[in-house]
Amino acid sequence: MDAAAALRLLDESHARWAEGVASLGEQGLRSACGDVEGPYAAHPMAALVLHVNREAIHHLAEVALLRDLWRARDADGGARGAAPDG
């Protein structure tokens, strides 16, 4: 998949996630996660939503860092092992 397709997929996935969270409503966010969450079954769904959001932010920040590193490498002509300026 190229970068443009990945960004489209990200946008589509984010839209589905936001719709799903909104569909829970206040009562749904207060309800327990349930047995599927094992030891966290009694935690409110809002805690799970917050956790998933933090994980997405964390991992997408890593993606952004890698993109920046590749962009910088490409701007440098792709030189490997070149001595730093100065």
PDB file of N, CA and C in Angstrom:
ATOM      1  N   MET A   1       0.857  -1.168   0.000  1.00  0.00           N
ATOM      2  CA  MET A   1       0.000   0.000   0.000  1.00  0.00           C
ATOM      3  C   MET A   1       0.904   1.231   0.000  1.00  0.00           C
ATOM      4  N   ASP A   2       0.544   2.208  -0.807  1.00  0.00           N
ATOM      5  CA  ASP A   2       1.333   3.441  -0.818  1.00  0.00           C
ATOM      6  C   ASP A   2       0.826   4.393   0.266  1.00  0.00           C
ATOM      7  N   ALA A   3       1.528   5.505   0.441  1.00  0.00           N
ATOM      8  CA  ALA A   3       1.202   6.441   1.516  1.00  0.00           C
ATOM      9  C   ALA A   3      -0.203   7.023   1.357  1.00  0.00           C
ATOM     10  N   ALA A   4      -0.600   7.336   0.144  1.00  0.00           N
ATOM     11  CA  ALA A   4      -1.933   7.917  -0.074  1.00  0.00           C
ATOM     12  C   ALA A   4      -3.027   6.929   0.328  1.00  0.00           C
ATOM     13  N   ALA A   5      -2.854   5.672  -0.021  1.00  0.00           N
ATOM     14  CA  ALA A   5      -3.845   4.652   0.358  1.00  0.00           C
ATOM     15  C   ALA A   5      -3.858   4.454   1.868  1.00  0.00           C
ATOM     16  N   ALA A   6      -2.688   4.495   2.487  1.00  0.00           N
ATOM     17  CA  ALA A   6      -2.614   4.349   3.945  1.00  0.00           C
ATOM     18  C   ALA A   6      -3.320   5.504   4.643  1.00  0.00           C
ATOM     19  N   LEU A   7      -3.159   6.708   4.127  1.00  0.00           N
ATOM     20  CA  LEU A   7      -3.837   7.867   4.724  1.00  0.00           C
ATOM     21  C   LEU A   7      -5.350   7.777   4.550  1.00  0.00           C
ATOM     22  N   ARG A   8      -5.797   7.283   3.407  1.00  0.00           N
ATOM     23  CA  ARG A   8      -7.242   7.083   3.209  1.00  0.00           C
ATOM     24  C   ARG A   8      -7.767   6.057   4.209  1.00  0.00           C
ATOM     25  N   LEU A   9      -7.034   4.958   4.371  1.00  0.00           N
ATOM     26  CA  LEU A   9      -7.436   3.927   5.324  1.00  0.00           C
ATOM     27  C   LEU A   9      -7.475   4.485   6.739  1.00  0.00           C
ATOM     28  N   LEU A  10      -6.501   5.297   7.088  1.00  0.00           N
ATOM     29  CA  LEU A  10      -6.480   5.927   8.409  1.00  0.00           C
ATOM     30  C   LEU A  10      -7.706   6.813   8.605  1.00  0.00           C
ATOM     31  N   ASP A  11      -8.028   7.631   7.616  1.00  0.00           N
ATOM     32  CA  ASP A  11      -9.206   8.500   7.702  1.00  0.00           C
ATOM     33  C   ASP A  11     -10.489   7.692   7.849  1.00  0.00           C
ATOM     34  N   GLU A  12     -10.617   6.625   7.060  1.00  0.00           N
ATOM     35  CA  GLU A  12     -11.815   5.781   7.124  1.00  0.00           C
ATOM     36  C   GLU A  12     -11.916   5.083   8.481  1.00  0.00           C
ATOM     37  N   SER A  13     -10.803   4.588   8.964  1.00  0.00           N
ATOM     38  CA  SER A  13     -10.790   3.890  10.259  1.00  0.00           C
ATOM     39  C   SER A  13     -11.113   4.843  11.396  1.00  0.00           C
ATOM     40  N   HIS A  14     -10.563   6.038  11.341  1.00  0.00           N
ATOM     41  CA  HIS A  14     -10.850   7.031  12.374  1.00  0.00           C
ATOM     42  C   HIS A  14     -12.332   7.392  12.368  1.00  0.00           C
ATOM     43  N   ALA A  15     -12.906   7.565  11.197  1.00  0.00           N
ATOM     44  CA  ALA A  15     -14.333   7.901  11.103  1.00  0.00           C
ATOM     45  C   ALA A  15     -15.192   6.786  11.711  1.00  0.00           C
ATOM     46  N   ARG A  16     -14.866   5.528  11.394  1.00  0.00           N
ATOM     47  CA  ARG A  16     -15.619   4.403  11.972  1.00  0.00           C
ATOM     48  C   ARG A  16     -15.463   4.358  13.486  1.00  0.00           C
ATOM     49  N   TRP A  17     -14.259   4.586  13.984  1.00  0.00           N
ATOM     50  CA  TRP A  17     -14.000   4.583  15.423  1.00  0.00           C
ATOM     51  C   TRP A  17     -14.817   5.690  16.103  1.00  0.00           C
ATOM     52  N   ALA A  18     -14.751   6.899  15.553  1.00  0.00           N
ATOM     53  CA  ALA A  18     -15.465   8.029  16.149  1.00  0.00           C
ATOM     54  C   ALA A  18     -16.975   7.776  16.150  1.00  0.00           C
ATOM     55  N   GLU A  19     -17.496   7.218  15.073  1.00  0.00           N
ATOM     56  CA  GLU A  19     -18.929   6.892  15.016  1.00  0.00           C
ATOM     57  C   GLU A  19     -19.284   5.840  16.060  1.00  0.00           C
ATOM     58  N   GLY A  20     -18.432   4.841  16.193  1.00  0.00           N
ATOM     59  CA  GLY A  20     -18.685   3.781  17.170  1.00  0.00           C
ATOM     60  C   GLY A  20     -18.684   4.295  18.591  1.00  0.00           C
ATOM     61  N   VAL A  21     -17.709   5.130  18.912  1.00  0.00           N
ATOM     62  CA  VAL A  21     -17.642   5.702  20.258  1.00  0.00           C
ATOM     63  C   VAL A  21     -18.854   6.592  20.504  1.00  0.00           C
ATOM     64  N   ALA A  22     -19.201   7.429  19.534  1.00  0.00           N
ATOM     65  CA  ALA A  22     -20.363   8.311  19.693  1.00  0.00           C
ATOM     66  C   ALA A  22     -21.647   7.512  19.870  1.00  0.00           C
ATOM     67  N   SER A  23     -21.725   6.363  19.209  1.00  0.00           N
ATOM     68  CA  SER A  23     -22.949   5.560  19.300  1.00  0.00           C
ATOM     69  C   SER A  23     -23.136   4.933  20.684  1.00  0.00           C
ATOM     70  N   LEU A  24     -22.061   4.852  21.459  1.00  0.00           N
ATOM     71  CA  LEU A  24     -22.182   4.305  22.812  1.00  0.00           C
ATOM     72  C   LEU A  24     -23.030   5.204  23.706  1.00  0.00           C
ATOM     73  N   GLY A  25     -22.925   6.492  23.490  1.00  0.00           N
ATOM     74  CA  GLY A  25     -23.651   7.432  24.341  1.00  0.00           C
ATOM     75  C   GLY A  25     -23.085   7.425  25.754  1.00  0.00           C
ATOM     76  N   GLU A  26     -23.601   8.305  26.576  1.00  0.00           N
ATOM     77  CA  GLU A  26     -23.111   8.422  27.944  1.00  0.00           C
ATOM     78  C   GLU A  26     -23.299   7.128  28.728  1.00  0.00           C
ATOM     79  N   GLN A  27     -24.472   6.517  28.586  1.00  0.00           N
ATOM     80  CA  GLN A  27     -24.750   5.280  29.320  1.00  0.00           C
ATOM     81  C   GLN A  27     -23.814   4.154  28.876  1.00  0.00           C
ATOM     82  N   GLY A  28     -23.579   4.050  27.593  1.00  0.00           N
ATOM     83  CA  GLY A  28     -22.692   3.008  27.083  1.00  0.00           C
ATOM     84  C   GLY A  28     -21.257   3.187  27.565  1.00  0.00           C
ATOM     85  N   LEU A  29     -20.811   4.431  27.651  1.00  0.00           N
ATOM     86  CA  LEU A  29     -19.463   4.693  28.142  1.00  0.00           C
ATOM     87  C   LEU A  29     -19.319   4.369  29.625  1.00  0.00           C
ATOM     88  N   ARG A  30     -20.425   4.447  30.357  1.00  0.00           N
ATOM     89  CA  ARG A  30     -20.402   4.125  31.789  1.00  0.00           C
ATOM     90  C   ARG A  30     -20.524   2.616  32.038  1.00  0.00           C
ATOM     91  N   SER A  31     -21.026   1.879  31.069  1.00  0.00           N
ATOM     92  CA  SER A  31     -21.251   0.441  31.270  1.00  0.00           C
ATOM     93  C   SER A  31     -19.924  -0.311  31.323  1.00  0.00           C
ATOM     94  N   ALA A  32     -19.954  -1.481  31.959  1.00  0.00           N
ATOM     95  CA  ALA A  32     -18.753  -2.301  32.092  1.00  0.00           C
ATOM     96  C   ALA A  32     -18.319  -2.850  30.739  1.00  0.00           C
ATOM     97  N   CYS A  33     -17.022  -3.035  30.591  1.00  0.00           N
ATOM     98  CA  CYS A  33     -16.464  -3.578  29.343  1.00  0.00           C
ATOM     99  C   CYS A  33     -16.958  -4.995  29.073  1.00  0.00           C
ATOM    100  N   GLY A  34     -17.077  -5.780  30.127  1.00  0.00           N
ATOM    101  CA  GLY A  34     -17.551  -7.148  29.965  1.00  0.00           C
ATOM    102  C   GLY A  34     -16.423  -8.157  29.967  1.00  0.00           C
ATOM    103  N   ASP A  35     -16.786  -9.409  29.967  1.00  0.00           N
ATOM    104  CA  ASP A  35     -15.841 -10.518  30.110  1.00  0.00           C
ATOM    105  C   ASP A  35     -14.751 -10.552  29.047  1.00  0.00           C
ATOM    106  N   VAL A  36     -15.035 -10.027  27.873  1.00  0.00           N
ATOM    107  CA  VAL A  36     -14.049 -10.064  26.793  1.00  0.00           C
ATOM    108  C   VAL A  36     -12.771  -9.311  27.185  1.00  0.00           C
ATOM    109  N   GLU A  37     -12.856  -8.418  28.162  1.00  0.00           N
ATOM    110  CA  GLU A  37     -11.689  -7.658  28.598  1.00  0.00           C
ATOM    111  C   GLU A  37     -10.992  -8.279  29.801  1.00  0.00           C
ATOM    112  N   GLY A  38     -11.299  -9.525  30.091  1.00  0.00           N
ATOM    113  CA  GLY A  38     -10.597 -10.273  31.135  1.00  0.00           C
ATOM    114  C   GLY A  38     -10.599  -9.562  32.476  1.00  0.00           C
ATOM    115  N   PRO A  39      -9.398  -9.296  33.033  1.00  0.00           N
ATOM    116  CA  PRO A  39      -9.333  -8.698  34.370  1.00  0.00           C
ATOM    117  C   PRO A  39      -9.881  -7.270  34.417  1.00  0.00           C
ATOM    118  N   TYR A  40     -10.131  -6.687  33.271  1.00  0.00           N
ATOM    119  CA  TYR A  40     -10.664  -5.322  33.209  1.00  0.00           C
ATOM    120  C   TYR A  40     -12.163  -5.316  32.930  1.00  0.00           C
ATOM    121  N   ALA A  41     -12.807  -6.452  33.058  1.00  0.00           N
ATOM    122  CA  ALA A  41     -14.224  -6.602  32.710  1.00  0.00           C
ATOM    123  C   ALA A  41     -15.121  -5.608  33.428  1.00  0.00           C
ATOM    124  N   ALA A  42     -14.812  -5.280  34.665  1.00  0.00           N
ATOM    125  CA  ALA A  42     -15.666  -4.381  35.449  1.00  0.00           C
ATOM    126  C   ALA A  42     -15.388  -2.907  35.173  1.00  0.00           C
ATOM    127  N   HIS A  43     -14.297  -2.618  34.450  1.00  0.00           N
ATOM    128  CA  HIS A  43     -13.979  -1.219  34.155  1.00  0.00           C
ATOM    129  C   HIS A  43     -15.002  -0.641  33.175  1.00  0.00           C
ATOM    130  N   PRO A  44     -15.245   0.657  33.252  1.00  0.00           N
ATOM    131  CA  PRO A  44     -16.206   1.261  32.323  1.00  0.00           C
ATOM    132  C   PRO A  44     -15.650   1.281  30.893  1.00  0.00           C
ATOM    133  N   MET A  45     -16.546   1.234  29.944  1.00  0.00           N
ATOM    134  CA  MET A  45     -16.157   1.270  28.534  1.00  0.00           C
ATOM    135  C   MET A  45     -15.340   2.527  28.235  1.00  0.00           C
ATOM    136  N   ALA A  46     -15.594   3.619  28.947  1.00  0.00           N
ATOM    137  CA  ALA A  46     -14.823   4.852  28.742  1.00  0.00           C
ATOM    138  C   ALA A  46     -13.346   4.617  28.992  1.00  0.00           C
ATOM    139  N   ALA A  47     -12.996   3.760  29.949  1.00  0.00           N
ATOM    140  CA  ALA A  47     -11.595   3.455  30.219  1.00  0.00           C
ATOM    141  C   ALA A  47     -10.969   2.735  29.029  1.00  0.00           C
ATOM    142  N   LEU A  48     -11.717   1.832  28.412  1.00  0.00           N
ATOM    143  CA  LEU A  48     -11.214   1.120  27.238  1.00  0.00           C
ATOM    144  C   LEU A  48     -11.046   2.083  26.064  1.00  0.00           C
ATOM    145  N   VAL A  49     -12.013   2.955  25.865  1.00  0.00           N
ATOM    146  CA  VAL A  49     -11.928   3.950  24.785  1.00  0.00           C
ATOM    147  C   VAL A  49     -10.696   4.823  24.983  1.00  0.00           C
ATOM    148  N   LEU A  50     -10.479   5.284  26.206  1.00  0.00           N
ATOM    149  CA  LEU A  50      -9.312   6.112  26.501  1.00  0.00           C
ATOM    150  C   LEU A  50      -8.023   5.339  26.223  1.00  0.00           C
ATOM    151  N   HIS A  51      -7.968   4.083  26.637  1.00  0.00           N
ATOM    152  CA  HIS A  51      -6.773   3.263  26.409  1.00  0.00           C
ATOM    153  C   HIS A  51      -6.500   3.105  24.908  1.00  0.00           C
ATOM    154  N   VAL A  52      -7.530   2.786  24.143  1.00  0.00           N
ATOM    155  CA  VAL A  52      -7.345   2.606  22.699  1.00  0.00           C
ATOM    156  C   VAL A  52      -6.891   3.913  22.054  1.00  0.00           C
ATOM    157  N   ASN A  53      -7.448   5.036  22.484  1.00  0.00           N
ATOM    158  CA  ASN A  53      -7.021   6.328  21.947  1.00  0.00           C
ATOM    159  C   ASN A  53      -5.549   6.589  22.250  1.00  0.00           C
ATOM    160  N   ARG A  54      -5.124   6.307  23.479  1.00  0.00           N
ATOM    161  CA  ARG A  54      -3.710   6.512  23.839  1.00  0.00           C
ATOM    162  C   ARG A  54      -2.806   5.620  22.999  1.00  0.00           C
ATOM    163  N   GLU A  55      -3.216   4.376  22.794  1.00  0.00           N
ATOM    164  CA  GLU A  55      -2.413   3.461  21.975  1.00  0.00           C
ATOM    165  C   GLU A  55      -2.311   3.955  20.534  1.00  0.00           C
ATOM    166  N   ALA A  56      -3.418   4.432  19.985  1.00  0.00           N
ATOM    167  CA  ALA A  56      -3.396   4.942  18.611  1.00  0.00           C
ATOM    168  C   ALA A  56      -2.471   6.155  18.505  1.00  0.00           C
ATOM    169  N   ILE A  57      -2.571   7.069  19.458  1.00  0.00           N
ATOM    170  CA  ILE A  57      -1.701   8.248  19.448  1.00  0.00           C
ATOM    171  C   ILE A  57      -0.243   7.817  19.532  1.00  0.00           C
ATOM    172  N   HIS A  58       0.054   6.901  20.434  1.00  0.00           N
ATOM    173  CA  HIS A  58       1.426   6.424  20.626  1.00  0.00           C
ATOM    174  C   HIS A  58       1.986   5.814  19.343  1.00  0.00           C
ATOM    175  N   HIS A  59       1.260   4.895  18.753  1.00  0.00           N
ATOM    176  CA  HIS A  59       1.776   4.192  17.579  1.00  0.00           C
ATOM    177  C   HIS A  59       1.793   5.073  16.336  1.00  0.00           C
ATOM    178  N   LEU A  60       0.824   5.947  16.201  1.00  0.00           N
ATOM    179  CA  LEU A  60       0.840   6.843  15.039  1.00  0.00           C
ATOM    180  C   LEU A  60       1.932   7.895  15.166  1.00  0.00           C
ATOM    181  N   ALA A  61       2.316   8.251  16.394  1.00  0.00           N
ATOM    182  CA  ALA A  61       3.466   9.134  16.582  1.00  0.00           C
ATOM    183  C   ALA A  61       4.740   8.435  16.093  1.00  0.00           C
ATOM    184  N   GLU A  62       4.829   7.135  16.338  1.00  0.00           N
ATOM    185  CA  GLU A  62       5.976   6.380  15.827  1.00  0.00           C
ATOM    186  C   GLU A  62       5.986   6.366  14.302  1.00  0.00           C
ATOM    187  N   VAL A  63       4.823   6.212  13.698  1.00  0.00           N
ATOM    188  CA  VAL A  63       4.723   6.242  12.236  1.00  0.00           C
ATOM    189  C   VAL A  63       5.184   7.603  11.718  1.00  0.00           C
ATOM    190  N   ALA A  64       4.735   8.675  12.375  1.00  0.00           N
ATOM    191  CA  ALA A  64       5.129  10.020  11.954  1.00  0.00           C
ATOM    192  C   ALA A  64       6.644  10.199  12.061  1.00  0.00           C
ATOM    193  N   LEU A  65       7.236   9.693  13.135  1.00  0.00           N
ATOM    194  CA  LEU A  65       8.682   9.783  13.297  1.00  0.00           C
ATOM    195  C   LEU A  65       9.399   9.053  12.168  1.00  0.00           C
ATOM    196  N   LEU A  66       8.955   7.845  11.863  1.00  0.00           N
ATOM    197  CA  LEU A  66       9.589   7.091  10.781  1.00  0.00           C
ATOM    198  C   LEU A  66       9.442   7.796   9.441  1.00  0.00           C
ATOM    199  N   ARG A  67       8.277   8.373   9.207  1.00  0.00           N
ATOM    200  CA  ARG A  67       8.092   9.130   7.953  1.00  0.00           C
ATOM    201  C   ARG A  67       9.052  10.309   7.889  1.00  0.00           C
ATOM    202  N   ASP A  68       9.219  11.010   9.021  1.00  0.00           N
ATOM    203  CA  ASP A  68      10.153  12.142   9.056  1.00  0.00           C
ATOM    204  C   ASP A  68      11.584  11.678   8.803  1.00  0.00           C
ATOM    205  N   LEU A  69      11.959  10.555   9.409  1.00  0.00           N
ATOM    206  CA  LEU A  69      13.314  10.046   9.199  1.00  0.00           C
ATOM    207  C   LEU A  69      13.549   9.665   7.741  1.00  0.00           C
ATOM    208  N   TRP A  70      12.576   8.999   7.121  1.00  0.00           N
ATOM    209  CA  TRP A  70      12.719   8.640   5.710  1.00  0.00           C
ATOM    210  C   TRP A  70      12.756   9.886   4.836  1.00  0.00           C
ATOM    211  N   ARG A  71      11.939  10.882   5.160  1.00  0.00           N
ATOM    212  CA  ARG A  71      11.930  12.129   4.383  1.00  0.00           C
ATOM    213  C   ARG A  71      13.295  12.806   4.485  1.00  0.00           C
ATOM    214  N   ALA A  72      13.866  12.849   5.688  1.00  0.00           N
ATOM    215  CA  ALA A  72      15.177  13.476   5.874  1.00  0.00           C
ATOM    216  C   ALA A  72      16.242  12.689   5.116  1.00  0.00           C
ATOM    217  N   ARG A  73      16.139  11.373   5.146  1.00  0.00           N
ATOM    218  CA  ARG A  73      17.097  10.530   4.427  1.00  0.00           C
ATOM    219  C   ARG A  73      16.992  10.788   2.933  1.00  0.00           C
ATOM    220  N   ASP A  74      15.778  10.869   2.419  1.00  0.00           N
ATOM    221  CA  ASP A  74      15.579  11.118   0.995  1.00  0.00           C
ATOM    222  C   ASP A  74      16.086  12.505   0.601  1.00  0.00           C
ATOM    223  N   ALA A  75      15.892  13.492   1.476  1.00  0.00           N
ATOM    224  CA  ALA A  75      16.351  14.848   1.197  1.00  0.00           C
ATOM    225  C   ALA A  75      17.871  14.917   1.157  1.00  0.00           C
ATOM    226  N   ASP A  76      18.516  13.983   1.853  1.00  0.00           N
ATOM    227  CA  ASP A  76      19.976  13.927   1.905  1.00  0.00           C
ATOM    228  C   ASP A  76      20.529  13.109   0.734  1.00  0.00           C
ATOM    229  N   GLY A  77      19.683  12.755  -0.179  1.00  0.00           N
ATOM    230  CA  GLY A  77      20.137  11.977  -1.321  1.00  0.00           C
ATOM    231  C   GLY A  77      20.276  10.500  -1.014  1.00  0.00           C
ATOM    232  N   GLY A  78      19.740  10.090   0.159  1.00  0.00           N
ATOM    233  CA  GLY A  78      19.806   8.681   0.523  1.00  0.00           C
ATOM    234  C   GLY A  78      21.196   8.220   0.906  1.00  0.00           C
ATOM    235  N   ALA A  79      22.069   9.177   1.213  1.00  0.00           N
ATOM    236  CA  ALA A  79      23.441   8.812   1.585  1.00  0.00           C
ATOM    237  C   ALA A  79      23.446   7.975   2.847  1.00  0.00           C
ATOM    238  N   ARG A  80      24.147   6.859   2.799  1.00  0.00           N
ATOM    239  CA  ARG A  80      24.269   6.005   3.984  1.00  0.00           C
ATOM    240  C   ARG A  80      25.703   6.107   4.489  1.00  0.00           C
ATOM    241  N   GLY A  81      25.790   6.268   5.774  1.00  0.00           N
ATOM    242  CA  GLY A  81      27.112   6.284   6.387  1.00  0.00           C
ATOM    243  C   GLY A  81      27.897   7.544   6.081  1.00  0.00           C
ATOM    244  N   ALA A  82      27.245   8.547   5.552  1.00  0.00           N
ATOM    245  CA  ALA A  82      27.952   9.780   5.236  1.00  0.00           C
ATOM    246  C   ALA A  82      28.306  10.492   6.542  1.00  0.00           C
ATOM    247  N   ALA A  83      29.471  11.118   6.557  1.00  0.00           N
ATOM    248  CA  ALA A  83      29.883  11.854   7.743  1.00  0.00           C
ATOM    249  C   ALA A  83      29.017  13.084   7.905  1.00  0.00           C
ATOM    250  N   PRO A  84      28.621  13.396   9.156  1.00  0.00           N
ATOM    251  CA  PRO A  84      27.809  14.589   9.384  1.00  0.00           C
ATOM    252  C   PRO A  84      28.597  15.847   9.028  1.00  0.00           C
ATOM    253  N   ASP A  85      27.875  16.865   8.614  1.00  0.00           N
ATOM    254  CA  ASP A  85      28.521  18.155   8.302  1.00  0.00           C
ATOM    255  C   ASP A  85      29.085  18.751   9.578  1.00  0.00           C
ATOM    256  N   GLY A  86      30.191  19.469   9.439  1.00  0.00           N
ATOM    257  CA  GLY A  86      30.721  20.210  10.575  1.00  0.00           C
ATOM    258  C   GLY A  86      31.919  19.595  11.056  1.00  0.00           C
TER     259      GLY A  86
END
